[in-house]
Amino acid sequence: MTTVLLKQTASENASFLTKEEKIEEIALHFSSILNVLGLDLEDESLRDTPMRVAKMYVEEIFSGLNPKLKPKITLFENTSGYKEMLLEKNITFWGLTSRE
């Protein structure tokens, strides 16, 4: 399965893999990373790490890439009579961007 995925583009991968398949594929690759680092995946403290990391990427960090999870935009009446833009400050924001 890995060989097939590496020959496809990212958008092609995302369109045909289920959430569970994405987690499985990422866990496999993260296991390889830990092996390259010389870490023992049989150790109790590391045994489930590849799966935990994979779930973190799919279900948390990059969950916004799923169009089905896009937030619904809602409108409401301006009953307070504001005539200027409302501004919310001090919001923590994290983003992941591609770099060249």
Protein backbone atom coordinates (compact mmCIF):
# COMPACT_ATOMS: atom_id res chain seq x y z
CA MET A 1 0.00 0.00 0.00
CA THR A 2 2.82 2.43 0.83
CA THR A 3 4.33 2.21 -2.64
CA VAL A 4 1.03 3.09 -4.26
CA LEU A 5 0.53 6.09 -1.99
CA LEU A 6 3.96 7.53 -2.65
CA LYS A 7 3.27 7.58 -6.40
CA GLN A 8 0.06 9.58 -5.97
CA THR A 9 -0.37 13.26 -5.23
CA ALA A 10 -1.53 14.41 -1.81
CA SER A 11 -4.98 15.38 -3.06
CA GLU A 12 -5.43 11.99 -4.72
CA ASN A 13 -4.44 10.28 -1.45
CA ALA A 14 -6.86 12.35 0.60
CA SER A 15 -9.74 11.65 -1.74
CA PHE A 16 -9.60 7.86 -1.65
CA LEU A 17 -8.33 7.03 1.85
CA THR A 18 -10.71 6.66 4.77
CA LYS A 19 -9.85 8.26 8.09
CA GLU A 20 -8.82 4.85 9.43
CA GLU A 21 -6.58 4.17 6.40
CA LYS A 22 -4.90 7.56 6.82
CA ILE A 23 -4.21 6.80 10.48
CA GLU A 24 -2.83 3.37 9.62
CA GLU A 25 -0.57 4.76 6.88
CA ILE A 26 0.77 7.59 9.04
CA ALA A 27 1.37 5.19 11.96
CA LEU A 28 3.38 2.94 9.64
CA HIS A 29 5.57 5.84 8.51
CA PHE A 30 6.00 7.17 12.04
CA SER A 31 7.08 3.71 13.18
CA SER A 32 9.79 3.88 10.51
CA ILE A 33 10.92 7.26 11.83
CA LEU A 34 11.17 5.92 15.38
CA ASN A 35 13.12 2.90 14.10
CA VAL A 36 15.57 5.17 12.24
CA LEU A 37 16.08 7.06 15.52
CA GLY A 38 16.95 3.75 17.19
CA LEU A 39 13.95 3.70 19.52
CA ASP A 40 12.55 0.37 20.68
CA LEU A 41 8.90 0.12 19.67
CA GLU A 42 8.52 -2.95 21.87
CA ASP A 43 9.11 -0.73 24.91
CA GLU A 44 5.82 -0.25 26.75
CA SER A 45 6.17 3.54 26.77
CA LEU A 46 6.61 3.68 22.98
CA ARG A 47 4.49 0.77 21.78
CA ASP A 48 1.38 2.82 20.94
CA THR A 49 3.16 6.05 20.02
CA PRO A 50 2.91 5.66 16.21
CA MET A 51 -0.87 5.20 16.45
CA ARG A 52 -1.24 8.11 18.91
CA VAL A 53 0.77 10.42 16.63
CA ALA A 54 -1.20 9.32 13.56
CA LYS A 55 -4.53 9.96 15.31
CA MET A 56 -3.26 13.37 16.44
CA TYR A 57 -2.47 14.37 12.85
CA VAL A 58 -5.70 13.06 11.31
CA GLU A 59 -8.22 13.82 14.07
CA GLU A 60 -6.74 17.02 15.49
CA ILE A 61 -4.00 18.94 13.69
CA PHE A 62 -5.24 18.45 10.12
CA SER A 63 -8.91 17.71 10.82
CA GLY A 64 -9.81 21.00 9.15
CA LEU A 65 -8.77 19.59 5.78
CA ASN A 66 -11.95 17.52 5.74
CA PRO A 67 -14.57 19.59 3.86
CA LYS A 68 -17.33 17.85 5.83
CA LEU A 69 -16.00 19.51 9.00
CA LYS A 70 -16.07 23.04 7.59
CA PRO A 71 -17.90 25.32 10.05
CA LYS A 72 -21.32 26.58 9.07
CA ILE A 73 -21.49 30.34 8.65
CA THR A 74 -24.38 31.98 10.45
CA LEU A 75 -25.81 35.49 10.35
CA PHE A 76 -27.70 37.36 13.03
CA GLU A 77 -29.59 40.62 13.26
CA ASN A 78 -27.69 43.71 14.44
CA THR A 79 -30.08 44.38 17.33
CA SER A 80 -27.43 46.40 19.19
CA GLY A 81 -27.11 48.90 16.33
CA TYR A 82 -23.35 48.56 15.84
CA LYS A 83 -22.08 50.74 12.98
CA GLU A 84 -18.45 49.57 13.05
CA MET A 85 -16.70 46.27 12.73
CA LEU A 86 -16.58 44.17 15.90
CA LEU A 87 -13.10 43.02 16.82
CA GLU A 88 -12.21 40.12 19.10
CA LYS A 89 -8.70 40.33 20.56
CA ASN A 90 -6.26 37.97 22.27
CA ILE A 91 -7.34 34.84 20.44
CA THR A 92 -4.69 32.14 20.32
CA PHE A 93 -4.23 30.99 16.74
CA TRP A 94 -2.03 28.17 15.47
CA GLY A 95 -1.46 27.42 11.82
CA LEU A 96 0.60 25.11 9.66
CA THR A 97 1.76 26.52 6.36
CA SER A 98 3.88 25.10 3.59
CA ARG A 99 7.29 26.58 3.02
CA GLU A 100 9.35 26.51 -0.12
